Amino acid sequence: MITGKRPVIKLGVTGGIGAGKTSVCRIFGVLGIPVFSADAVAKEVMDIDTGIILRINAIAGKNLYAGGSLDKVELAKLIFNNSKLLEKVNSLVHPVVFTRFREWAKKQNAPYVIMETAILFESGAPEIVDRILTVVAPMEERVDRVIHRNNLTREQVIERMRNQMDDSERIKNSDYVIQNSENDLITPAVLRIHEDILKLAKTTDC
């Protein structure tokens, strides 16, 4: 008979820019579910990991840290329209983020934990989570949210959307979907998913 601490179920939460992933994760947080922001950790890693800093500069062919921290705008310019550069940067950062997530998850005292990331599928994260939730919203609402949140132009937001996976592709590979438009109540949807995963967690008890 196997004994010991039961495995923690991992839920990946993703969605396009402006879809409202963070709002959804905030509700899970109120329910007591720990949330790991993979995007925030990735930014931290790129700012403090000396080995990654050196390799990012090598990939970029220039010093992106002249101001003391990563010039994210310049990096975005380089990688948004260059899939090879993007892949090289991601291959540096994602393994480190995944390692941190696994270590963090082991320390949590909860029936399940969440990894929130905009590029869940693109990063290979489906391999390390048990269930996937995609948050979607109408394009115009997403554009308006990002314009006001990030102080970007409409053209800049549309360009970023074009460089992300389509919602239809995310939905096809997800276990759950939450519609997050102004006309939808997301709390009941979160509660339904929460209850479903709690039931799943009971079946994994050792």
Protein backbone atom coordinates (compact mmCIF):
# COMPACT_ATOMS: atom_id res chain seq x y z
CA MET A 1 0.00 0.00 0.00
CA ILE A 2 1.32 3.43 -0.94
CA THR A 3 1.42 5.92 1.90
CA GLY A 4 2.44 9.53 2.27
CA LYS A 5 1.16 12.89 1.16
CA ARG A 6 -1.36 12.68 -1.67
CA PRO A 7 -0.38 14.24 -4.98
CA VAL A 8 -1.58 17.79 -5.45
CA ILE A 9 -3.83 18.25 -8.47
CA LYS A 10 -2.59 20.98 -10.79
CA LEU A 11 -4.99 23.17 -12.77
CA GLY A 12 -3.58 25.26 -15.61
CA VAL A 13 -5.45 28.49 -16.28
CA THR A 14 -4.84 30.25 -19.59
CA GLY A 15 -6.40 32.59 -22.12
CA GLY A 16 -5.53 35.33 -24.58
CA ILE A 17 -4.44 38.81 -23.61
CA GLY A 18 -7.32 40.67 -21.96
CA ALA A 19 -9.46 37.55 -21.49
CA GLY A 20 -9.50 37.94 -17.71
CA LYS A 21 -7.34 35.08 -16.42
CA THR A 22 -6.29 37.09 -13.39
CA SER A 23 -9.88 37.95 -12.47
CA VAL A 24 -10.82 34.27 -12.61
CA CYS A 25 -7.77 33.27 -10.57
CA ARG A 26 -8.63 35.90 -7.97
CA ILE A 27 -11.91 34.08 -7.31
CA PHE A 28 -10.09 30.78 -6.94
CA GLY A 29 -7.81 32.55 -4.49
CA VAL A 30 -10.81 33.66 -2.41
CA LEU A 31 -11.79 29.98 -2.30
CA GLY A 32 -8.41 29.23 -0.74
CA ILE A 33 -6.71 27.83 -3.83
CA PRO A 34 -3.05 28.87 -4.23
CA VAL A 35 -2.20 30.52 -7.57
CA PHE A 36 1.24 30.46 -9.19
CA SER A 37 1.71 33.21 -11.78
CA ALA A 38 4.04 31.64 -14.33
CA ASP A 39 4.28 34.86 -16.35
CA ALA A 40 5.39 36.86 -13.29
CA VAL A 41 7.96 34.21 -12.36
CA ALA A 42 9.25 34.14 -15.95
CA LYS A 43 9.82 37.91 -15.81
CA GLU A 44 11.60 37.53 -12.47
CA VAL A 45 13.84 34.77 -13.82
CA MET A 46 14.80 36.89 -16.83
CA ASP A 47 15.74 39.74 -14.49
CA ILE A 48 17.79 37.89 -11.86
CA ASP A 49 19.17 34.63 -13.31
CA THR A 50 22.68 35.54 -14.48
CA GLY A 51 23.00 32.55 -16.80
CA ILE A 52 19.71 33.34 -18.53
CA ILE A 53 20.57 37.04 -18.77
CA LEU A 54 23.81 36.24 -20.59
CA ARG A 55 22.11 33.83 -22.95
CA ILE A 56 19.23 36.22 -23.72
CA ASN A 57 21.77 38.88 -24.67
CA ALA A 58 23.56 36.33 -26.85
CA ILE A 59 20.31 35.36 -28.58
CA ALA A 60 19.33 39.01 -29.08
CA GLY A 61 22.79 39.97 -30.31
CA LYS A 62 22.73 43.05 -28.09
CA ASN A 63 22.61 44.08 -24.43
CA LEU A 64 18.96 44.17 -23.35
CA TYR A 65 19.92 45.00 -19.74
CA ALA A 66 21.67 48.33 -20.25
CA GLY A 67 19.19 50.02 -17.93
CA GLY A 68 19.79 47.52 -15.12
CA SER A 69 16.84 45.26 -15.91
CA LEU A 70 15.44 43.56 -18.99
CA ASP A 71 14.18 45.96 -21.66
CA LYS A 72 10.91 44.11 -22.22
CA VAL A 73 9.77 46.45 -24.99
CA GLU A 74 12.92 45.82 -27.00
CA LEU A 75 12.73 42.07 -26.38
CA ALA A 76 9.10 42.06 -27.56
CA LYS A 77 10.11 43.87 -30.76
CA LEU A 78 12.74 41.23 -31.43
CA ILE A 79 10.68 38.11 -30.74
CA PHE A 80 7.10 38.97 -31.73
CA ASN A 81 7.81 38.57 -35.42
CA ASN A 82 10.67 36.09 -35.16
CA SER A 83 9.44 32.65 -34.11
CA LYS A 84 12.97 31.21 -33.95
CA LEU A 85 14.15 33.84 -31.48
CA LEU A 86 10.96 33.41 -29.46
CA GLU A 87 11.48 29.66 -29.30
CA LYS A 88 15.09 30.10 -28.14
CA VAL A 89 14.11 32.48 -25.34
CA ASN A 90 11.24 30.25 -24.25
CA SER A 91 13.47 27.17 -24.17
CA LEU A 92 15.70 29.00 -21.69
CA VAL A 93 12.99 30.31 -19.40
CA HIS A 94 10.22 27.70 -19.32
CA PRO A 95 12.20 24.81 -17.77
CA VAL A 96 13.24 27.09 -14.90
CA VAL A 97 9.67 28.28 -14.36
CA PHE A 98 8.34 24.71 -14.43
CA THR A 99 10.90 23.60 -11.85
CA ARG A 100 9.88 26.46 -9.58
CA PHE A 101 6.21 25.56 -10.05
CA ARG A 102 6.78 21.91 -9.10
CA GLU A 103 8.73 22.90 -5.99
CA TRP A 104 6.11 25.48 -5.03
CA ALA A 105 3.23 23.03 -5.57
CA LYS A 106 4.78 20.49 -3.20
CA LYS A 107 4.74 23.05 -0.40
CA GLN A 108 1.07 23.97 -0.73
CA ASN A 109 -1.51 22.61 1.68
CA ALA A 110 -4.55 22.58 -0.61
CA PRO A 111 -6.59 20.02 -2.57
CA TYR A 112 -5.30 21.56 -5.79
CA VAL A 113 -3.15 24.42 -7.05
CA ILE A 114 -3.26 26.68 -10.09
CA MET A 115 -0.67 27.67 -12.65
CA GLU A 116 -1.78 30.86 -14.40
CA THR A 117 -0.03 31.50 -17.71
CA ALA A 118 -0.85 33.20 -21.00
CA ILE A 119 1.17 30.67 -23.01
CA LEU A 120 0.24 27.41 -21.34
CA PHE A 121 0.02 25.40 -24.56
CA GLU A 122 2.92 27.12 -26.29
CA SER A 123 5.24 26.53 -23.34
CA GLY A 124 4.56 22.80 -23.01
CA ALA A 125 2.84 23.24 -19.64
CA PRO A 126 0.06 20.69 -20.42
CA GLU A 127 2.64 18.05 -19.54
CA ILE A 128 2.86 19.25 -15.94
CA VAL A 129 -0.81 20.05 -15.18
CA ASP A 130 -3.74 17.67 -14.69
CA ARG A 131 -6.58 19.85 -15.94
CA ILE A 132 -6.76 22.95 -18.15
CA LEU A 133 -9.14 25.91 -17.94
CA THR A 134 -9.29 28.45 -20.75
CA VAL A 135 -10.79 31.89 -20.16
CA VAL A 136 -12.31 33.57 -23.22
CA ALA A 137 -13.97 36.91 -23.91
CA PRO A 138 -15.23 38.85 -26.96
CA MET A 139 -12.39 40.41 -28.92
CA GLU A 140 -13.58 44.02 -28.58
CA GLU A 141 -13.91 43.70 -24.81
CA ARG A 142 -10.41 42.24 -24.63
CA VAL A 143 -9.01 45.08 -26.74
CA ASP A 144 -10.66 47.72 -24.54
CA ARG A 145 -9.38 46.06 -21.35
CA VAL A 146 -5.79 45.94 -22.56
CA ILE A 147 -5.84 49.50 -23.95
CA HIS A 148 -6.89 50.84 -20.56
CA ARG A 149 -4.74 48.47 -18.51
CA ASN A 150 -1.46 48.64 -20.45
CA ASN A 151 -1.77 52.07 -22.07
CA LEU A 152 -1.35 50.56 -25.54
CA THR A 153 -2.85 51.59 -28.86
CA ARG A 154 -5.53 49.48 -30.50
CA GLU A 155 -3.04 48.48 -33.21
CA GLN A 156 -0.51 47.30 -30.62
CA VAL A 157 -3.13 45.18 -28.85
CA ILE A 158 -4.33 43.62 -32.12
CA GLU A 159 -0.73 42.82 -33.05
CA ARG A 160 -0.19 41.02 -29.73
CA MET A 161 -3.40 39.07 -30.23
CA ARG A 162 -2.27 37.95 -33.66
CA ASN A 163 0.86 36.50 -32.11
CA GLN A 164 -1.11 34.36 -29.65
CA MET A 165 -2.88 31.06 -30.12
CA ASP A 166 -6.51 31.23 -31.27
CA ASP A 167 -9.22 30.68 -28.65
CA SER A 168 -10.64 27.83 -30.73
CA GLU A 169 -7.35 25.96 -30.48
CA ARG A 170 -7.14 26.51 -26.72
CA ILE A 171 -10.75 25.44 -26.18
CA LYS A 172 -10.25 22.26 -28.18
CA ASN A 173 -7.50 21.19 -25.79
CA SER A 174 -9.10 22.33 -22.53
CA ASP A 175 -11.13 20.54 -19.87
CA TYR A 176 -13.01 23.68 -18.83
CA VAL A 177 -13.94 26.99 -20.47
CA ILE A 178 -15.15 30.19 -18.78
CA GLN A 179 -16.82 32.95 -20.79
CA ASN A 180 -15.72 36.25 -19.28
CA SER A 181 -17.70 38.96 -21.05
CA GLU A 182 -19.48 41.86 -19.38
CA ASN A 183 -22.74 39.89 -19.65
CA ASP A 184 -21.41 36.74 -17.95
CA LEU A 185 -21.19 35.95 -14.25
CA ILE A 186 -17.86 34.19 -13.76
CA THR A 187 -18.22 33.30 -10.07
CA PRO A 188 -20.80 30.50 -10.60
CA ALA A 189 -18.59 29.06 -13.38
CA VAL A 190 -15.56 29.11 -11.08
CA LEU A 191 -17.55 27.43 -8.31
CA ARG A 192 -18.66 24.61 -10.65
CA ILE A 193 -15.07 23.95 -11.68
CA HIS A 194 -13.92 24.17 -8.07
CA GLU A 195 -16.44 21.53 -7.01
CA ASP A 196 -15.49 19.27 -9.91
CA ILE A 197 -11.80 19.39 -9.03
CA LEU A 198 -12.53 18.81 -5.34
CA LYS A 199 -14.32 15.60 -6.35
CA LEU A 200 -11.34 14.63 -8.48
CA ALA A 201 -9.00 15.36 -5.56
CA LYS A 202 -10.88 12.88 -3.37
CA THR A 203 -10.24 10.11 -5.86
CA THR A 204 -6.48 10.72 -5.71
CA ASP A 205 -6.19 10.15 -1.96
CA CYS A 206 -3.60 7.53 -1.07
